[in-house]
């Protein structure tokens, strides 16, 4: 799954939604909107473009299903490679603070929905990433040449400290 480090791809989400059963594109869109709509927003045309990329990458396969008088629809199936790619993604911590709100929450959703084990290990890895960033922001704030830059860096550090406290709550509520 090609991913730019600065942008988030919905491809792992689509793979995760296919973990339980094959679905056609509109079913995936409805499930994503209903289950993860507050976390991850994907337009219908973007969803179909992502499914095409996943199919080209060999992570999903599709077959055409007749619908009577209506045009046939494509039903997507997860391949073993797609399953493996999803399981790698779901166990990775988010590298950036701004991705935690979307990407990490989606991971937590799939741990719960698919009854995956190891949420506590994922949370520990995410906390380690956050602590590294907290230390970096503390160091940069101490070295800041002006007050405004110091305030910005202290704000970012505070955000990360709040995330670490929230991560503990994830394990408390969902366990593993």
N, C-alpha and C. Protein backbone atom coordinates (compact mmCIF):
# COMPACT_ATOMS: atom_id res chain seq x y z
N UNK A 1 0.83 -1.17 0.00
CA UNK A 1 0.00 0.00 0.00
C UNK A 1 0.88 1.23 0.00
N UNK A 2 0.95 1.93 -1.09
CA UNK A 2 1.77 3.14 -1.09
C UNK A 2 1.15 4.19 -0.20
N UNK A 3 2.01 4.80 0.63
CA UNK A 3 1.52 5.85 1.53
C UNK A 3 2.56 6.94 1.64
N UNK A 4 2.10 8.15 1.49
CA UNK A 4 2.94 9.31 1.72
C UNK A 4 2.93 9.56 3.23
N UNK A 5 4.10 9.86 3.78
CA UNK A 5 4.20 10.04 5.23
C UNK A 5 3.37 11.22 5.73
N UNK A 6 3.00 12.13 4.85
CA UNK A 6 2.24 13.30 5.28
C UNK A 6 0.73 13.14 5.08
N UNK A 7 0.31 12.18 4.25
CA UNK A 7 -1.12 12.03 4.00
C UNK A 7 -1.59 10.66 4.47
N UNK A 8 -2.87 10.58 4.69
CA UNK A 8 -3.46 9.34 5.16
C UNK A 8 -4.22 8.68 4.01
N UNK A 9 -4.01 7.42 3.83
CA UNK A 9 -4.71 6.67 2.81
C UNK A 9 -5.85 5.88 3.44
N UNK A 10 -7.02 5.87 2.82
CA UNK A 10 -8.12 5.06 3.34
C UNK A 10 -7.98 3.58 2.97
N UNK A 11 -6.95 3.22 2.25
CA UNK A 11 -6.81 1.84 1.81
C UNK A 11 -6.79 0.83 2.96
N UNK A 12 -6.04 1.06 4.05
CA UNK A 12 -6.09 0.09 5.14
C UNK A 12 -7.48 -0.04 5.75
N UNK A 13 -8.24 1.04 5.75
CA UNK A 13 -9.61 1.01 6.29
C UNK A 13 -10.47 0.09 5.43
N UNK A 14 -10.33 0.20 4.12
CA UNK A 14 -11.10 -0.65 3.22
C UNK A 14 -10.72 -2.11 3.40
N UNK A 15 -9.42 -2.38 3.56
CA UNK A 15 -8.99 -3.75 3.81
C UNK A 15 -9.58 -4.27 5.12
N UNK A 16 -9.59 -3.43 6.14
CA UNK A 16 -10.15 -3.83 7.42
C UNK A 16 -11.64 -4.13 7.32
N UNK A 17 -12.36 -3.34 6.55
CA UNK A 17 -13.79 -3.57 6.39
C UNK A 17 -14.06 -4.87 5.64
N UNK A 18 -13.11 -5.29 4.82
CA UNK A 18 -13.27 -6.55 4.08
C UNK A 18 -12.79 -7.77 4.87
N UNK A 19 -12.22 -7.55 6.04
CA UNK A 19 -11.71 -8.68 6.84
C UNK A 19 -12.83 -9.66 7.20
N UNK A 20 -14.02 -9.17 7.46
CA UNK A 20 -15.09 -10.06 7.92
C UNK A 20 -15.85 -10.73 6.79
N UNK A 21 -16.01 -10.03 5.65
CA UNK A 21 -16.75 -10.62 4.53
C UNK A 21 -16.57 -9.76 3.28
N UNK A 22 -16.75 -10.39 2.10
CA UNK A 22 -16.71 -9.62 0.85
C UNK A 22 -17.89 -8.64 0.81
N UNK A 23 -17.68 -7.53 0.12
CA UNK A 23 -18.73 -6.52 0.01
C UNK A 23 -18.59 -5.80 -1.32
N UNK A 24 -19.70 -5.23 -1.77
CA UNK A 24 -19.60 -4.36 -2.95
C UNK A 24 -19.27 -2.95 -2.48
N UNK A 25 -18.85 -2.11 -3.41
CA UNK A 25 -18.34 -0.79 -3.08
C UNK A 25 -19.29 0.06 -2.27
N UNK A 26 -20.56 0.07 -2.64
CA UNK A 26 -21.49 0.93 -1.91
C UNK A 26 -21.70 0.43 -0.48
N UNK A 27 -21.68 -0.90 -0.27
CA UNK A 27 -21.76 -1.43 1.10
C UNK A 27 -20.56 -0.96 1.92
N UNK A 28 -19.38 -0.98 1.32
CA UNK A 28 -18.18 -0.49 2.00
C UNK A 28 -18.34 0.98 2.36
N UNK A 29 -18.86 1.75 1.42
CA UNK A 29 -19.07 3.18 1.65
C UNK A 29 -20.04 3.41 2.82
N UNK A 30 -21.15 2.66 2.82
CA UNK A 30 -22.13 2.81 3.90
C UNK A 30 -21.53 2.41 5.25
N UNK A 31 -20.81 1.29 5.27
CA UNK A 31 -20.21 0.83 6.52
C UNK A 31 -19.19 1.85 7.04
N UNK A 32 -18.35 2.33 6.15
CA UNK A 32 -17.35 3.32 6.54
C UNK A 32 -18.04 4.58 7.07
N UNK A 33 -19.06 5.04 6.37
CA UNK A 33 -19.77 6.26 6.79
C UNK A 33 -20.46 6.07 8.14
N UNK A 34 -21.11 4.92 8.32
CA UNK A 34 -21.86 4.69 9.55
C UNK A 34 -20.95 4.39 10.73
N UNK A 35 -19.93 3.60 10.53
CA UNK A 35 -19.09 3.15 11.63
C UNK A 35 -17.93 4.09 11.93
N UNK A 36 -17.33 4.66 10.89
CA UNK A 36 -16.14 5.47 11.08
C UNK A 36 -16.30 6.91 10.57
N UNK A 37 -17.53 7.30 10.25
CA UNK A 37 -17.77 8.62 9.67
C UNK A 37 -17.32 9.78 10.54
N UNK A 38 -17.34 9.61 11.84
CA UNK A 38 -16.88 10.69 12.74
C UNK A 38 -15.36 10.76 12.80
N UNK A 39 -14.72 9.71 12.30
CA UNK A 39 -13.26 9.63 12.36
C UNK A 39 -12.64 9.82 10.98
N UNK A 40 -13.20 9.16 9.98
CA UNK A 40 -12.59 9.12 8.65
C UNK A 40 -13.66 9.40 7.60
N UNK A 41 -13.44 10.40 6.79
CA UNK A 41 -14.39 10.76 5.74
C UNK A 41 -13.80 10.43 4.37
N UNK A 42 -14.55 9.68 3.59
CA UNK A 42 -14.13 9.32 2.24
C UNK A 42 -15.33 9.50 1.32
N UNK A 43 -15.12 10.20 0.23
CA UNK A 43 -16.18 10.35 -0.77
C UNK A 43 -16.34 9.06 -1.56
N UNK A 44 -17.51 8.88 -2.13
CA UNK A 44 -17.80 7.66 -2.88
C UNK A 44 -16.86 7.47 -4.06
N UNK A 45 -16.59 8.54 -4.80
CA UNK A 45 -15.68 8.41 -5.96
C UNK A 45 -14.26 8.09 -5.48
N UNK A 46 -13.82 8.68 -4.36
CA UNK A 46 -12.50 8.37 -3.81
C UNK A 46 -12.44 6.91 -3.38
N UNK A 47 -13.51 6.42 -2.78
CA UNK A 47 -13.56 5.03 -2.34
C UNK A 47 -13.37 4.09 -3.52
N UNK A 48 -14.09 4.34 -4.62
CA UNK A 48 -13.95 3.47 -5.79
C UNK A 48 -12.55 3.57 -6.40
N UNK A 49 -11.96 4.75 -6.39
CA UNK A 49 -10.59 4.90 -6.90
C UNK A 49 -9.60 4.11 -6.03
N UNK A 50 -9.82 4.13 -4.71
CA UNK A 50 -8.94 3.39 -3.80
C UNK A 50 -9.12 1.88 -3.99
N UNK A 51 -10.36 1.43 -4.19
CA UNK A 51 -10.60 0.01 -4.44
C UNK A 51 -9.91 -0.45 -5.72
N UNK A 52 -9.93 0.39 -6.74
CA UNK A 52 -9.24 0.06 -7.99
C UNK A 52 -7.74 -0.08 -7.75
N UNK A 53 -7.16 0.83 -6.97
CA UNK A 53 -5.73 0.73 -6.65
C UNK A 53 -5.42 -0.53 -5.85
N UNK A 54 -6.29 -0.86 -4.90
CA UNK A 54 -6.09 -2.08 -4.11
C UNK A 54 -6.16 -3.32 -4.99
N UNK A 55 -7.08 -3.29 -5.96
CA UNK A 55 -7.21 -4.41 -6.89
C UNK A 55 -5.96 -4.53 -7.76
N UNK A 56 -5.49 -3.40 -8.27
CA UNK A 56 -4.27 -3.40 -9.10
C UNK A 56 -3.06 -3.88 -8.31
N UNK A 57 -3.03 -3.60 -7.01
CA UNK A 57 -1.91 -4.01 -6.15
C UNK A 57 -2.03 -5.47 -5.70
N UNK A 58 -3.14 -6.13 -6.04
CA UNK A 58 -3.33 -7.52 -5.66
C UNK A 58 -3.76 -7.71 -4.21
N UNK A 59 -4.23 -6.64 -3.56
CA UNK A 59 -4.66 -6.74 -2.16
C UNK A 59 -6.13 -7.11 -2.04
N UNK A 60 -6.90 -6.85 -3.11
CA UNK A 60 -8.27 -7.32 -3.19
C UNK A 60 -8.50 -7.87 -4.59
N UNK A 61 -9.49 -8.74 -4.70
CA UNK A 61 -9.96 -9.19 -6.00
C UNK A 61 -11.43 -8.81 -6.07
N UNK A 62 -11.97 -8.80 -7.28
CA UNK A 62 -13.37 -8.45 -7.45
C UNK A 62 -14.00 -9.36 -8.48
N UNK A 63 -15.24 -9.66 -8.27
CA UNK A 63 -16.02 -10.37 -9.30
C UNK A 63 -17.31 -9.58 -9.51
N UNK A 64 -17.85 -9.74 -10.70
CA UNK A 64 -19.07 -9.02 -11.06
C UNK A 64 -20.27 -9.88 -10.69
N UNK A 65 -21.24 -9.25 -10.08
CA UNK A 65 -22.45 -9.92 -9.63
C UNK A 65 -23.65 -9.30 -10.34
N UNK A 66 -24.46 -10.11 -11.05
CA UNK A 66 -25.63 -9.54 -11.74
C UNK A 66 -26.67 -9.05 -10.74
N UNK A 67 -27.45 -8.04 -11.18
CA UNK A 67 -28.50 -7.46 -10.32
C UNK A 67 -29.82 -7.36 -11.07
N UNK A 68 -30.15 -8.32 -11.87
CA UNK A 68 -31.41 -8.26 -12.62
C UNK A 68 -31.37 -7.18 -13.67
N UNK A 69 -32.33 -6.26 -13.59
CA UNK A 69 -32.43 -5.18 -14.59
C UNK A 69 -31.40 -4.08 -14.37
N UNK A 70 -30.80 -4.05 -13.20
CA UNK A 70 -29.81 -3.01 -12.91
C UNK A 70 -28.44 -3.47 -13.39
N UNK A 71 -27.51 -2.52 -13.56
CA UNK A 71 -26.16 -2.91 -13.99
C UNK A 71 -25.49 -3.82 -12.95
N UNK A 72 -24.64 -4.74 -13.40
CA UNK A 72 -23.96 -5.61 -12.44
C UNK A 72 -23.05 -4.80 -11.51
N UNK A 73 -22.79 -5.34 -10.33
CA UNK A 73 -21.92 -4.64 -9.39
C UNK A 73 -20.72 -5.52 -9.08
N UNK A 74 -19.65 -4.84 -8.67
CA UNK A 74 -18.41 -5.54 -8.30
C UNK A 74 -18.44 -5.86 -6.82
N UNK A 75 -18.12 -7.09 -6.49
CA UNK A 75 -18.01 -7.51 -5.10
C UNK A 75 -16.53 -7.73 -4.83
N UNK A 76 -16.02 -7.10 -3.78
CA UNK A 76 -14.59 -7.13 -3.46
C UNK A 76 -14.30 -8.16 -2.37
N UNK A 77 -13.21 -8.88 -2.59
CA UNK A 77 -12.75 -9.91 -1.66
C UNK A 77 -11.32 -9.58 -1.25
N UNK A 78 -11.01 -9.80 -0.02
CA UNK A 78 -9.65 -9.59 0.49
C UNK A 78 -8.77 -10.77 0.06
N UNK A 79 -7.59 -10.48 -0.44
CA UNK A 79 -6.63 -11.54 -0.76
C UNK A 79 -5.77 -11.81 0.47
N UNK A 80 -5.04 -12.92 0.49
CA UNK A 80 -4.13 -13.15 1.62
C UNK A 80 -3.11 -12.01 1.78
N UNK A 81 -2.66 -11.45 0.67
CA UNK A 81 -1.72 -10.32 0.73
C UNK A 81 -2.40 -9.09 1.34
N UNK A 82 -3.67 -8.89 1.01
CA UNK A 82 -4.43 -7.78 1.58
C UNK A 82 -4.64 -7.95 3.07
N UNK A 83 -4.90 -9.19 3.47
CA UNK A 83 -5.08 -9.48 4.90
C UNK A 83 -3.77 -9.20 5.64
N UNK A 84 -2.65 -9.67 5.08
CA UNK A 84 -1.35 -9.44 5.71
C UNK A 84 -1.03 -7.94 5.80
N UNK A 85 -1.32 -7.21 4.72
CA UNK A 85 -1.05 -5.75 4.71
C UNK A 85 -1.88 -5.06 5.78
N UNK A 86 -3.14 -5.46 5.92
CA UNK A 86 -3.98 -4.86 6.95
C UNK A 86 -3.44 -5.16 8.34
N UNK A 87 -3.06 -6.42 8.59
CA UNK A 87 -2.58 -6.80 9.92
C UNK A 87 -1.27 -6.09 10.29
N UNK A 88 -0.45 -5.80 9.29
CA UNK A 88 0.76 -5.01 9.55
C UNK A 88 0.36 -3.59 9.92
N UNK A 89 -0.54 -3.00 9.12
CA UNK A 89 -0.96 -1.61 9.36
C UNK A 89 -1.62 -1.44 10.72
N UNK A 90 -2.52 -2.35 11.09
CA UNK A 90 -3.30 -2.18 12.31
C UNK A 90 -2.42 -2.25 13.56
N UNK A 91 -1.24 -2.82 13.43
CA UNK A 91 -0.35 -2.95 14.59
C UNK A 91 0.71 -1.87 14.67
N UNK A 92 0.71 -0.94 13.71
CA UNK A 92 1.69 0.16 13.70
C UNK A 92 1.17 1.36 14.48
N UNK A 93 2.02 2.01 15.25
CA UNK A 93 1.59 3.28 15.86
C UNK A 93 1.58 4.38 14.81
N UNK A 94 0.83 5.42 15.06
CA UNK A 94 0.80 6.58 14.17
C UNK A 94 2.04 7.42 14.42
N UNK A 95 2.67 7.83 13.35
CA UNK A 95 3.94 8.56 13.46
C UNK A 95 3.75 10.04 13.80
N UNK A 96 2.60 10.59 13.48
CA UNK A 96 2.39 12.02 13.65
C UNK A 96 1.21 12.30 14.57
N UNK A 97 1.33 13.32 15.38
CA UNK A 97 0.26 13.71 16.29
C UNK A 97 -1.05 13.94 15.53
N UNK A 98 -0.98 14.62 14.40
CA UNK A 98 -2.20 14.94 13.66
C UNK A 98 -2.87 13.70 13.08
N UNK A 99 -2.17 12.58 13.00
CA UNK A 99 -2.76 11.35 12.46
C UNK A 99 -3.43 10.50 13.54
N UNK A 100 -3.14 10.77 14.78
CA UNK A 100 -3.71 9.96 15.86
C UNK A 100 -5.23 10.08 15.86
N UNK A 101 -5.75 11.27 15.64
CA UNK A 101 -7.19 11.50 15.67
C UNK A 101 -7.92 10.68 14.62
N UNK A 102 -7.28 10.37 13.54
CA UNK A 102 -7.92 9.63 12.45
C UNK A 102 -7.40 8.20 12.39
N UNK A 103 -6.13 8.08 12.14
CA UNK A 103 -5.52 6.77 11.89
C UNK A 103 -5.53 5.87 13.13
N UNK A 104 -5.09 6.40 14.25
CA UNK A 104 -5.03 5.58 15.45
C UNK A 104 -6.43 5.17 15.91
N UNK A 105 -7.38 6.11 15.85
CA UNK A 105 -8.75 5.77 16.22
C UNK A 105 -9.32 4.68 15.32
N UNK A 106 -8.98 4.71 14.04
CA UNK A 106 -9.42 3.65 13.13
C UNK A 106 -8.82 2.31 13.54
N UNK A 107 -7.55 2.33 13.93
CA UNK A 107 -6.92 1.09 14.41
C UNK A 107 -7.66 0.55 15.64
N UNK A 108 -7.96 1.41 16.58
CA UNK A 108 -8.67 0.99 17.79
C UNK A 108 -10.04 0.41 17.41
N UNK A 109 -10.71 1.04 16.47
CA UNK A 109 -12.01 0.53 15.99
C UNK A 109 -11.87 -0.91 15.51
N UNK A 110 -10.85 -1.17 14.71
CA UNK A 110 -10.69 -2.53 14.16
C UNK A 110 -10.27 -3.53 15.24
N UNK A 111 -9.49 -3.11 16.20
CA UNK A 111 -9.17 -4.02 17.32
C UNK A 111 -10.47 -4.46 17.99
N UNK A 112 -11.37 -3.52 18.18
CA UNK A 112 -12.64 -3.83 18.84
C UNK A 112 -13.55 -4.64 17.92
N UNK A 113 -13.74 -4.15 16.70
CA UNK A 113 -14.69 -4.78 15.77
C UNK A 113 -14.28 -6.20 15.39
N UNK A 114 -13.00 -6.43 15.17
CA UNK A 114 -12.52 -7.73 14.71
C UNK A 114 -12.04 -8.61 15.86
N UNK A 115 -12.19 -8.13 17.09
CA UNK A 115 -11.75 -8.86 18.29
C UNK A 115 -10.28 -9.27 18.19
N UNK A 116 -9.46 -8.32 17.74
CA UNK A 116 -8.02 -8.56 17.64
C UNK A 116 -7.40 -8.48 19.03
N UNK A 117 -6.38 -9.27 19.25
CA UNK A 117 -5.65 -9.19 20.51
C UNK A 117 -4.45 -8.28 20.34
N UNK A 118 -3.97 -7.74 21.44
CA UNK A 118 -2.76 -6.93 21.40
C UNK A 118 -2.96 -5.44 21.41
N UNK A 119 -4.17 -4.98 21.75
CA UNK A 119 -4.39 -3.53 21.81
C UNK A 119 -3.44 -2.88 22.82
N UNK A 120 -3.19 -3.55 23.93
CA UNK A 120 -2.28 -2.96 24.93
C UNK A 120 -0.87 -2.80 24.37
N UNK A 121 -0.42 -3.72 23.51
CA UNK A 121 0.91 -3.56 22.89
C UNK A 121 0.92 -2.40 21.91
N UNK A 122 -0.16 -2.25 21.14
CA UNK A 122 -0.25 -1.12 20.22
C UNK A 122 -0.22 0.19 21.01
N UNK A 123 -0.98 0.26 22.09
CA UNK A 123 -1.01 1.47 22.91
C UNK A 123 0.37 1.75 23.48
N UNK A 124 1.07 0.73 23.94
CA UNK A 124 2.43 0.93 24.45
C UNK A 124 3.36 1.49 23.37
N UNK A 125 3.25 0.96 22.15
CA UNK A 125 4.08 1.47 21.04
C UNK A 125 3.72 2.91 20.71
N UNK A 126 2.40 3.22 20.74
CA UNK A 126 1.97 4.59 20.46
C UNK A 126 2.47 5.54 21.54
N UNK A 127 2.39 5.10 22.79
CA UNK A 127 2.89 5.94 23.89
C UNK A 127 4.39 6.19 23.74
N UNK A 128 5.13 5.18 23.32
CA UNK A 128 6.58 5.35 23.13
C UNK A 128 6.85 6.41 22.06
N UNK A 129 6.09 6.38 20.96
CA UNK A 129 6.23 7.40 19.91
C UNK A 129 5.92 8.77 20.49
N UNK A 130 4.85 8.86 21.27
CA UNK A 130 4.48 10.15 21.87
C UNK A 130 5.55 10.65 22.83
N UNK A 131 6.09 9.77 23.66
CA UNK A 131 7.13 10.18 24.61
C UNK A 131 8.38 10.68 23.89
N UNK A 132 8.74 10.03 22.78
CA UNK A 132 9.89 10.52 21.99
C UNK A 132 9.61 11.94 21.49
N UNK A 133 8.39 12.17 21.02
CA UNK A 133 8.04 13.50 20.51
C UNK A 133 7.97 14.52 21.64
N UNK A 134 7.47 14.10 22.81
CA UNK A 134 7.42 15.01 23.97
C UNK A 134 8.84 15.46 24.32
N UNK A 135 9.76 14.53 24.38
CA UNK A 135 11.16 14.88 24.68
C UNK A 135 11.74 15.81 23.63
N UNK A 136 11.41 15.56 22.37
CA UNK A 136 11.91 16.42 21.29
C UNK A 136 11.37 17.84 21.43
N UNK A 137 10.07 17.96 21.71
CA UNK A 137 9.48 19.29 21.87
C UNK A 137 10.03 20.00 23.10
N UNK A 138 10.28 19.27 24.18
CA UNK A 138 10.90 19.88 25.38
C UNK A 138 12.28 20.43 25.04
N UNK A 139 13.06 19.64 24.33
CA UNK A 139 14.41 20.07 23.94
C UNK A 139 14.35 21.29 23.03
N UNK A 140 13.46 21.25 22.03
CA UNK A 140 13.34 22.38 21.11
C UNK A 140 12.83 23.64 21.83
N UNK A 141 11.91 23.47 22.77
CA UNK A 141 11.39 24.62 23.52
C UNK A 141 12.50 25.25 24.36
N UNK A 142 13.33 24.42 24.95
CA UNK A 142 14.44 24.93 25.77
C UNK A 142 15.44 25.70 24.92
N UNK A 143 15.56 25.30 23.65
CA UNK A 143 16.51 25.94 22.74
C UNK A 143 15.89 27.08 21.94
N UNK A 144 14.58 27.29 22.10
CA UNK A 144 13.87 28.30 21.29
C UNK A 144 14.46 29.68 21.50
N UNK A 145 14.59 30.40 20.39
CA UNK A 145 15.19 31.73 20.44
C UNK A 145 14.19 32.82 20.76
N UNK A 146 12.89 32.52 20.66
CA UNK A 146 11.90 33.54 21.00
C UNK A 146 10.74 32.92 21.77
N UNK A 147 10.01 33.77 22.45
CA UNK A 147 8.92 33.32 23.33
C UNK A 147 7.79 32.66 22.56
N UNK A 148 7.46 33.20 21.38
CA UNK A 148 6.36 32.63 20.62
C UNK A 148 6.67 31.19 20.21
N UNK A 149 7.85 30.97 19.70
CA UNK A 149 8.24 29.60 19.30
C UNK A 149 8.19 28.67 20.51
N UNK A 150 8.65 29.14 21.64
CA UNK A 150 8.61 28.34 22.87
C UNK A 150 7.16 27.98 23.22
N UNK A 151 6.26 28.95 23.13
CA UNK A 151 4.84 28.69 23.41
C UNK A 151 4.26 27.64 22.47
N UNK A 152 4.58 27.74 21.20
CA UNK A 152 4.07 26.77 20.22
C UNK A 152 4.57 25.37 20.56
N UNK A 153 5.84 25.25 20.86
CA UNK A 153 6.42 23.94 21.18
C UNK A 153 5.87 23.38 22.50
N UNK A 154 5.64 24.26 23.46
CA UNK A 154 5.04 23.81 24.72
C UNK A 154 3.60 23.36 24.51
N UNK A 155 2.89 24.04 23.62
CA UNK A 155 1.52 23.64 23.29
C UNK A 155 1.51 22.24 22.68
N UNK A 156 2.39 22.00 21.72
CA UNK A 156 2.47 20.68 21.08
C UNK A 156 2.82 19.60 22.11
N UNK A 157 3.75 19.92 23.01
CA UNK A 157 4.09 18.97 24.08
C UNK A 157 2.87 18.67 24.93
N UNK A 158 2.10 19.69 25.27
CA UNK A 158 0.88 19.50 26.07
C UNK A 158 -0.15 18.63 25.36
N UNK A 159 -0.27 18.81 24.05
CA UNK A 159 -1.18 17.96 23.28
C UNK A 159 -0.75 16.49 23.39
N UNK A 160 0.52 16.25 23.24
CA UNK A 160 1.03 14.88 23.32
C UNK A 160 0.84 14.28 24.71
N UNK A 161 1.03 15.09 25.74
CA UNK A 161 0.81 14.59 27.10
C UNK A 161 -0.65 14.20 27.30
N UNK A 162 -1.56 14.98 26.73
CA UNK A 162 -2.99 14.65 26.82
C UNK A 162 -3.28 13.36 26.05
N UNK A 163 -2.65 13.17 24.91
CA UNK A 163 -2.83 11.94 24.14
C UNK A 163 -2.36 10.74 24.94
N UNK A 164 -1.23 10.85 25.61
CA UNK A 164 -0.71 9.74 26.42
C UNK A 164 -1.74 9.36 27.50
N UNK A 165 -2.33 10.34 28.15
CA UNK A 165 -3.35 10.05 29.16
C UNK A 165 -4.56 9.38 28.52
N UNK A 166 -4.95 9.84 27.34
CA UNK A 166 -6.08 9.25 26.63
C UNK A 166 -5.78 7.81 26.20
N UNK A 167 -4.54 7.54 25.82
CA UNK A 167 -4.16 6.19 25.42
C UNK A 167 -4.38 5.20 26.55
N UNK A 168 -4.08 5.62 27.78
CA UNK A 168 -4.35 4.76 28.92
C UNK A 168 -5.85 4.45 29.03
N UNK A 169 -6.67 5.42 28.71
CA UNK A 169 -8.11 5.24 28.74
C UNK A 169 -8.57 4.22 27.70
N UNK A 170 -7.91 4.18 26.55
CA UNK A 170 -8.26 3.20 25.50
C UNK A 170 -8.16 1.78 26.06
N UNK A 171 -7.07 1.49 26.71
CA UNK A 171 -6.87 0.15 27.26
C UNK A 171 -7.87 -0.11 28.38
N UNK A 172 -8.12 0.92 29.20
CA UNK A 172 -9.07 0.78 30.30
C UNK A 172 -10.46 0.42 29.78
N UNK A 173 -10.92 1.09 28.71
CA UNK A 173 -12.26 0.86 28.19
C UNK A 173 -12.37 -0.41 27.34
N UNK A 174 -11.37 -0.65 26.52
CA UNK A 174 -11.49 -1.75 25.56
C UNK A 174 -10.70 -2.99 25.94
N UNK A 175 -9.68 -2.81 26.79
CA UNK A 175 -8.85 -3.94 27.17
C UNK A 175 -8.20 -4.57 25.96
N UNK A 176 -7.71 -5.76 26.11
CA UNK A 176 -7.14 -6.48 24.97
C UNK A 176 -7.49 -7.91 25.12
